[in-house]
N, C-alpha and C. Protein backbone atom coordinates (compact mmCIF):
# COMPACT_ATOMS: atom_id res chain seq x y z
N GLN A 1 87.60 109.66 85.26
CA GLN A 1 87.10 108.32 85.58
C GLN A 1 88.22 107.31 85.49
N VAL A 2 88.25 106.39 86.44
CA VAL A 2 89.23 105.32 86.46
C VAL A 2 88.48 104.00 86.48
N GLN A 3 88.83 103.12 85.57
CA GLN A 3 88.25 101.77 85.56
C GLN A 3 89.27 100.79 86.13
N LEU A 4 88.79 99.92 86.99
CA LEU A 4 89.66 98.96 87.67
C LEU A 4 89.14 97.55 87.43
N VAL A 5 90.05 96.65 87.09
CA VAL A 5 89.68 95.25 86.86
C VAL A 5 90.66 94.36 87.62
N GLU A 6 90.11 93.59 88.56
CA GLU A 6 90.93 92.68 89.35
C GLU A 6 91.02 91.30 88.68
N SER A 7 92.09 90.61 89.00
CA SER A 7 92.28 89.24 88.52
C SER A 7 93.21 88.52 89.49
N GLY A 8 93.27 87.20 89.33
CA GLY A 8 94.22 86.43 90.11
C GLY A 8 93.64 85.67 91.27
N GLY A 9 92.36 85.84 91.53
CA GLY A 9 91.74 85.10 92.61
C GLY A 9 91.60 83.62 92.26
N GLY A 10 91.21 82.84 93.25
CA GLY A 10 91.03 81.41 93.01
C GLY A 10 90.92 80.65 94.30
N LEU A 11 91.01 79.33 94.16
CA LEU A 11 90.93 78.41 95.30
C LEU A 11 92.33 77.92 95.63
N VAL A 12 92.71 78.02 96.88
CA VAL A 12 94.04 77.60 97.29
C VAL A 12 93.95 76.96 98.67
N GLN A 13 94.85 76.05 98.94
CA GLN A 13 94.88 75.44 100.27
C GLN A 13 95.55 76.37 101.27
N ALA A 14 95.20 76.18 102.52
CA ALA A 14 95.83 76.96 103.58
C ALA A 14 97.35 76.79 103.51
N GLY A 15 98.04 77.91 103.68
CA GLY A 15 99.49 77.91 103.58
C GLY A 15 99.99 78.26 102.19
N GLY A 16 99.10 78.26 101.23
CA GLY A 16 99.49 78.57 99.87
C GLY A 16 99.55 80.06 99.60
N SER A 17 99.76 80.38 98.32
CA SER A 17 99.93 81.77 97.90
C SER A 17 99.08 82.09 96.68
N LEU A 18 98.73 83.34 96.57
CA LEU A 18 98.07 83.88 95.38
C LEU A 18 98.59 85.29 95.15
N ARG A 19 98.56 85.69 93.90
CA ARG A 19 98.94 87.06 93.56
C ARG A 19 97.79 87.72 92.83
N LEU A 20 97.20 88.71 93.46
CA LEU A 20 96.12 89.45 92.83
C LEU A 20 96.70 90.61 92.04
N SER A 21 96.02 90.91 90.94
CA SER A 21 96.42 92.06 90.12
C SER A 21 95.21 92.95 89.89
N CYS A 22 95.48 94.21 89.71
CA CYS A 22 94.44 95.19 89.41
C CYS A 22 94.95 96.06 88.27
N ALA A 23 94.24 96.02 87.16
CA ALA A 23 94.61 96.82 86.00
C ALA A 23 93.74 98.06 85.94
N ALA A 24 94.37 99.20 85.79
CA ALA A 24 93.65 100.47 85.76
C ALA A 24 93.69 101.08 84.38
N SER A 25 92.61 101.71 84.02
CA SER A 25 92.55 102.44 82.76
C SER A 25 91.76 103.72 82.98
N GLY A 26 91.90 104.63 82.03
CA GLY A 26 91.19 105.89 82.16
C GLY A 26 92.17 107.00 82.46
N ARG A 27 91.96 107.69 83.55
CA ARG A 27 92.82 108.80 83.91
C ARG A 27 94.22 108.33 84.30
N THR A 28 95.11 109.27 84.44
CA THR A 28 96.48 108.96 84.79
C THR A 28 96.53 108.17 86.08
N PHE A 29 97.15 107.04 86.02
CA PHE A 29 97.19 106.12 87.14
C PHE A 29 98.15 106.57 88.22
N SER A 30 99.22 107.19 87.82
CA SER A 30 100.30 107.45 88.76
C SER A 30 99.92 108.44 89.85
N GLY A 31 98.88 109.20 89.67
CA GLY A 31 98.51 110.17 90.68
C GLY A 31 97.59 109.63 91.76
N TYR A 32 97.25 108.35 91.70
CA TYR A 32 96.24 107.78 92.60
C TYR A 32 96.86 106.87 93.64
N THR A 33 96.37 107.00 94.85
CA THR A 33 96.61 106.00 95.87
C THR A 33 95.72 104.80 95.56
N MET A 34 96.29 103.61 95.70
CA MET A 34 95.54 102.38 95.43
C MET A 34 95.37 101.58 96.71
N GLY A 35 94.24 100.92 96.80
CA GLY A 35 93.98 100.12 97.99
C GLY A 35 93.37 98.78 97.64
N TRP A 36 93.55 97.83 98.54
CA TRP A 36 92.88 96.53 98.46
C TRP A 36 91.99 96.39 99.70
N PHE A 37 90.78 95.97 99.45
CA PHE A 37 89.82 95.70 100.50
C PHE A 37 89.23 94.31 100.25
N ARG A 38 88.58 93.77 101.27
CA ARG A 38 87.95 92.46 101.10
C ARG A 38 86.66 92.41 101.88
N GLN A 39 85.78 91.54 101.41
CA GLN A 39 84.50 91.34 102.09
C GLN A 39 84.15 89.87 102.09
N ALA A 40 84.02 89.33 103.27
CA ALA A 40 83.62 87.94 103.43
C ALA A 40 82.10 87.89 103.57
N PRO A 41 81.49 86.74 103.26
CA PRO A 41 80.03 86.63 103.36
C PRO A 41 79.54 86.96 104.76
N GLY A 42 78.54 87.83 104.83
CA GLY A 42 77.97 88.19 106.11
C GLY A 42 78.77 89.19 106.91
N LYS A 43 79.86 89.68 106.34
CA LYS A 43 80.70 90.62 107.07
C LYS A 43 80.83 91.93 106.30
N GLU A 44 81.25 92.96 107.00
CA GLU A 44 81.47 94.24 106.35
C GLU A 44 82.78 94.22 105.56
N ARG A 45 82.85 95.09 104.60
CA ARG A 45 84.08 95.23 103.84
C ARG A 45 85.18 95.76 104.77
N GLU A 46 86.38 95.21 104.62
CA GLU A 46 87.47 95.63 105.49
C GLU A 46 88.72 95.96 104.70
N PHE A 47 89.52 96.82 105.28
CA PHE A 47 90.78 97.24 104.68
C PHE A 47 91.79 96.12 104.71
N VAL A 48 92.56 96.00 103.63
CA VAL A 48 93.65 95.02 103.57
C VAL A 48 95.00 95.73 103.46
N SER A 49 95.12 96.57 102.42
CA SER A 49 96.42 97.22 102.21
C SER A 49 96.24 98.42 101.29
N THR A 50 97.19 99.34 101.34
CA THR A 50 97.15 100.50 100.47
C THR A 50 98.57 100.96 100.15
N ILE A 51 98.71 101.61 99.00
CA ILE A 51 100.01 102.11 98.56
C ILE A 51 99.81 103.45 97.87
N ASN A 52 100.67 104.40 98.17
CA ASN A 52 100.50 105.70 97.53
C ASN A 52 101.15 105.70 96.15
N TRP A 53 100.97 106.79 95.44
CA TRP A 53 101.29 106.77 94.00
C TRP A 53 102.78 106.64 93.75
N ASN A 54 103.63 107.19 94.61
CA ASN A 54 105.07 107.11 94.34
C ASN A 54 105.74 105.99 95.12
N VAL A 55 104.93 105.07 95.64
CA VAL A 55 105.42 103.86 96.31
C VAL A 55 106.25 104.19 97.54
N GLY A 56 106.02 105.38 98.08
CA GLY A 56 106.78 105.74 99.27
C GLY A 56 106.11 105.35 100.57
N ASN A 57 104.86 104.96 100.49
CA ASN A 57 104.11 104.68 101.71
C ASN A 57 103.16 103.52 101.48
N THR A 58 103.27 102.51 102.31
CA THR A 58 102.36 101.37 102.27
C THR A 58 101.80 101.12 103.66
N ARG A 59 100.61 100.59 103.71
CA ARG A 59 99.98 100.26 104.98
C ARG A 59 99.30 98.92 104.85
N TYR A 60 99.21 98.20 105.97
CA TYR A 60 98.60 96.88 105.97
C TYR A 60 97.69 96.74 107.20
N ALA A 61 96.64 95.96 107.01
CA ALA A 61 95.85 95.55 108.17
C ALA A 61 96.70 94.62 109.03
N ASP A 62 96.48 94.67 110.32
CA ASP A 62 97.26 93.81 111.22
C ASP A 62 97.10 92.34 110.87
N SER A 63 95.93 91.98 110.38
CA SER A 63 95.65 90.57 110.10
C SER A 63 96.46 90.02 108.93
N VAL A 64 97.01 90.90 108.10
CA VAL A 64 97.76 90.43 106.93
C VAL A 64 99.22 90.85 106.96
N LYS A 65 99.58 91.66 107.93
CA LYS A 65 100.95 92.17 108.01
C LYS A 65 101.94 91.02 108.11
N GLY A 66 102.97 91.07 107.29
CA GLY A 66 103.97 90.01 107.27
C GLY A 66 103.65 88.87 106.33
N ARG A 67 102.43 88.83 105.83
CA ARG A 67 102.03 87.77 104.88
C ARG A 67 101.71 88.33 103.50
N PHE A 68 101.15 89.54 103.46
CA PHE A 68 100.76 90.15 102.19
C PHE A 68 101.72 91.29 101.86
N THR A 69 101.94 91.49 100.56
CA THR A 69 102.77 92.58 100.09
C THR A 69 102.09 93.29 98.93
N ILE A 70 101.93 94.58 99.05
CA ILE A 70 101.33 95.37 97.97
C ILE A 70 102.45 96.01 97.15
N SER A 71 102.23 96.11 95.86
CA SER A 71 103.20 96.76 94.98
C SER A 71 102.45 97.35 93.80
N ARG A 72 103.12 98.21 93.08
CA ARG A 72 102.48 98.81 91.90
C ARG A 72 103.53 99.10 90.84
N ASP A 73 103.07 99.11 89.61
CA ASP A 73 103.91 99.45 88.47
C ASP A 73 103.18 100.56 87.72
N ASN A 74 103.60 101.79 87.94
CA ASN A 74 102.90 102.92 87.33
C ASN A 74 103.04 102.93 85.81
N ALA A 75 104.13 102.38 85.30
CA ALA A 75 104.31 102.33 83.85
C ALA A 75 103.31 101.38 83.19
N LYS A 76 102.87 100.37 83.95
CA LYS A 76 101.93 99.38 83.41
C LYS A 76 100.52 99.56 83.96
N ASN A 77 100.33 100.60 84.78
CA ASN A 77 99.00 100.88 85.35
C ASN A 77 98.44 99.68 86.11
N THR A 78 99.29 99.04 86.88
CA THR A 78 98.84 97.87 87.63
C THR A 78 99.26 97.96 89.09
N VAL A 79 98.49 97.34 89.93
CA VAL A 79 98.83 97.16 91.33
C VAL A 79 98.62 95.70 91.68
N HIS A 80 99.49 95.19 92.53
CA HIS A 80 99.45 93.77 92.87
C HIS A 80 99.34 93.58 94.36
N LEU A 81 98.80 92.44 94.73
CA LEU A 81 98.78 92.04 96.13
C LEU A 81 99.28 90.60 96.19
N GLN A 82 100.50 90.44 96.66
CA GLN A 82 101.06 89.11 96.85
C GLN A 82 100.63 88.60 98.21
N MET A 83 99.94 87.47 98.20
CA MET A 83 99.39 86.91 99.44
C MET A 83 100.05 85.57 99.71
N ASN A 84 100.79 85.50 100.79
CA ASN A 84 101.47 84.27 101.19
C ASN A 84 100.90 83.73 102.50
N ARG A 85 101.19 82.48 102.75
CA ARG A 85 100.73 81.82 104.00
C ARG A 85 99.24 82.10 104.23
N LEU A 86 98.47 81.85 103.21
CA LEU A 86 97.04 82.13 103.28
C LEU A 86 96.35 81.26 104.32
N LYS A 87 95.32 81.85 104.92
CA LYS A 87 94.54 81.18 105.96
C LYS A 87 93.07 81.12 105.52
N PRO A 88 92.31 80.17 106.05
CA PRO A 88 90.89 80.12 105.69
C PRO A 88 90.17 81.44 105.97
N GLU A 89 90.58 82.16 106.98
CA GLU A 89 89.93 83.44 107.29
C GLU A 89 90.27 84.54 106.29
N ASP A 90 91.15 84.26 105.35
CA ASP A 90 91.41 85.22 104.27
C ASP A 90 90.39 85.07 103.14
N THR A 91 89.54 84.08 103.22
CA THR A 91 88.52 83.87 102.20
C THR A 91 87.59 85.06 102.13
N ALA A 92 87.48 85.65 100.92
CA ALA A 92 86.66 86.86 100.74
C ALA A 92 86.68 87.25 99.27
N LEU A 93 85.83 88.20 98.96
CA LEU A 93 85.88 88.87 97.68
C LEU A 93 86.81 90.07 97.84
N TYR A 94 87.86 90.11 97.03
CA TYR A 94 88.88 91.15 97.16
C TYR A 94 88.66 92.23 96.10
N TYR A 95 88.64 93.47 96.58
CA TYR A 95 88.40 94.62 95.72
C TYR A 95 89.63 95.51 95.64
N CYS A 96 89.84 96.03 94.47
CA CYS A 96 90.84 97.06 94.23
C CYS A 96 90.11 98.41 94.22
N ALA A 97 90.75 99.44 94.75
CA ALA A 97 90.13 100.75 94.81
C ALA A 97 91.18 101.83 94.59
N ALA A 98 90.71 103.01 94.16
CA ALA A 98 91.62 104.12 93.86
C ALA A 98 91.06 105.42 94.44
N ARG A 99 91.98 106.28 94.86
CA ARG A 99 91.58 107.60 95.36
C ARG A 99 92.70 108.59 95.14
N ARG A 100 92.34 109.83 95.05
CA ARG A 100 93.31 110.92 95.08
C ARG A 100 93.66 111.17 96.54
N GLY A 101 94.89 111.52 96.81
CA GLY A 101 95.27 111.82 98.17
C GLY A 101 96.10 110.74 98.80
N SER A 102 96.29 110.84 100.08
CA SER A 102 97.20 109.96 100.80
C SER A 102 96.55 108.60 101.07
N THR A 103 97.37 107.67 101.56
CA THR A 103 96.87 106.35 101.87
C THR A 103 95.83 106.44 102.98
N SER A 104 94.86 105.55 102.91
CA SER A 104 93.82 105.52 103.92
C SER A 104 93.28 104.10 104.06
N TYR A 105 92.86 103.75 105.25
CA TYR A 105 92.21 102.47 105.49
C TYR A 105 90.69 102.59 105.38
N ARG A 106 90.21 103.79 105.20
CA ARG A 106 88.76 104.03 105.16
C ARG A 106 88.22 103.85 103.75
N ASP A 107 87.37 102.87 103.57
CA ASP A 107 86.87 102.57 102.22
C ASP A 107 86.01 103.71 101.67
N THR A 108 85.39 104.48 102.55
CA THR A 108 84.53 105.56 102.08
C THR A 108 85.31 106.68 101.39
N LEU A 109 86.61 106.70 101.58
CA LEU A 109 87.43 107.74 100.96
C LEU A 109 87.90 107.36 99.55
N TYR A 110 87.62 106.16 99.12
CA TYR A 110 88.04 105.73 97.79
C TYR A 110 86.93 106.00 96.77
N ASP A 111 87.35 106.52 95.63
CA ASP A 111 86.39 106.99 94.64
C ASP A 111 86.03 105.93 93.59
N TYR A 112 86.96 105.07 93.29
CA TYR A 112 86.77 104.09 92.20
C TYR A 112 87.00 102.68 92.73
N TRP A 113 86.18 101.76 92.23
CA TRP A 113 86.22 100.38 92.69
C TRP A 113 86.12 99.42 91.53
N GLY A 114 86.81 98.30 91.66
CA GLY A 114 86.63 97.22 90.71
C GLY A 114 85.48 96.33 91.12
N GLN A 115 85.27 95.27 90.36
CA GLN A 115 84.16 94.35 90.61
C GLN A 115 84.53 93.26 91.62
N GLY A 116 85.80 93.10 91.85
CA GLY A 116 86.25 92.13 92.85
C GLY A 116 86.69 90.81 92.23
N THR A 117 87.55 90.12 92.95
CA THR A 117 87.99 88.78 92.57
C THR A 117 87.93 87.89 93.80
N GLN A 118 87.38 86.70 93.63
CA GLN A 118 87.13 85.82 94.77
C GLN A 118 88.39 85.05 95.16
N VAL A 119 88.68 85.06 96.44
CA VAL A 119 89.75 84.24 96.99
C VAL A 119 89.13 83.28 98.00
N THR A 120 89.38 82.00 97.81
CA THR A 120 88.87 80.98 98.71
C THR A 120 90.04 80.13 99.20
N VAL A 121 90.18 80.06 100.51
CA VAL A 121 91.27 79.31 101.10
C VAL A 121 90.67 78.14 101.87
N SER A 122 91.02 76.93 101.45
CA SER A 122 90.49 75.73 102.09
C SER A 122 91.42 75.27 103.22
N SER A 123 90.81 74.69 104.22
CA SER A 123 91.61 74.22 105.38
C SER A 123 92.12 72.81 105.21
C-alpha cells in the first residue's frame, strides 16, 4: 500500500507559478512511476504529467508542455510539479498517483491516489 498526500495548491493570478508536492509513504517509493492528473468541475479527469522511478522518462500533456516540470526525490519520497505561466484553464483539482510499471497517461493504470489539491488561476 502506498499513501499519497498532495500539497501546494492555492489561488494564483494568470501568469503566476505554483509548485505542487506529493509525499508518499508506505511501500518503497523508488519502484513506482508517479503521475499528476487534474479534474476541473464538470470535466473528466485528465493526464498532466508522469515520471518513472529512475527519472529517466517524463511525459507531459500537450496543454502543459513547456510550462510544467515534473521531478522527484526518491530519497525524500516526494514528487513535485512546478507549474509556471499558469492559465485560467489550468484551474482544477490536482491529483498525485502511483503505479508499478512504465509511465502512462491512462489514469486507470494507476493503483494509488491522493486526495487532491486545488489549484485556482484567476484571470
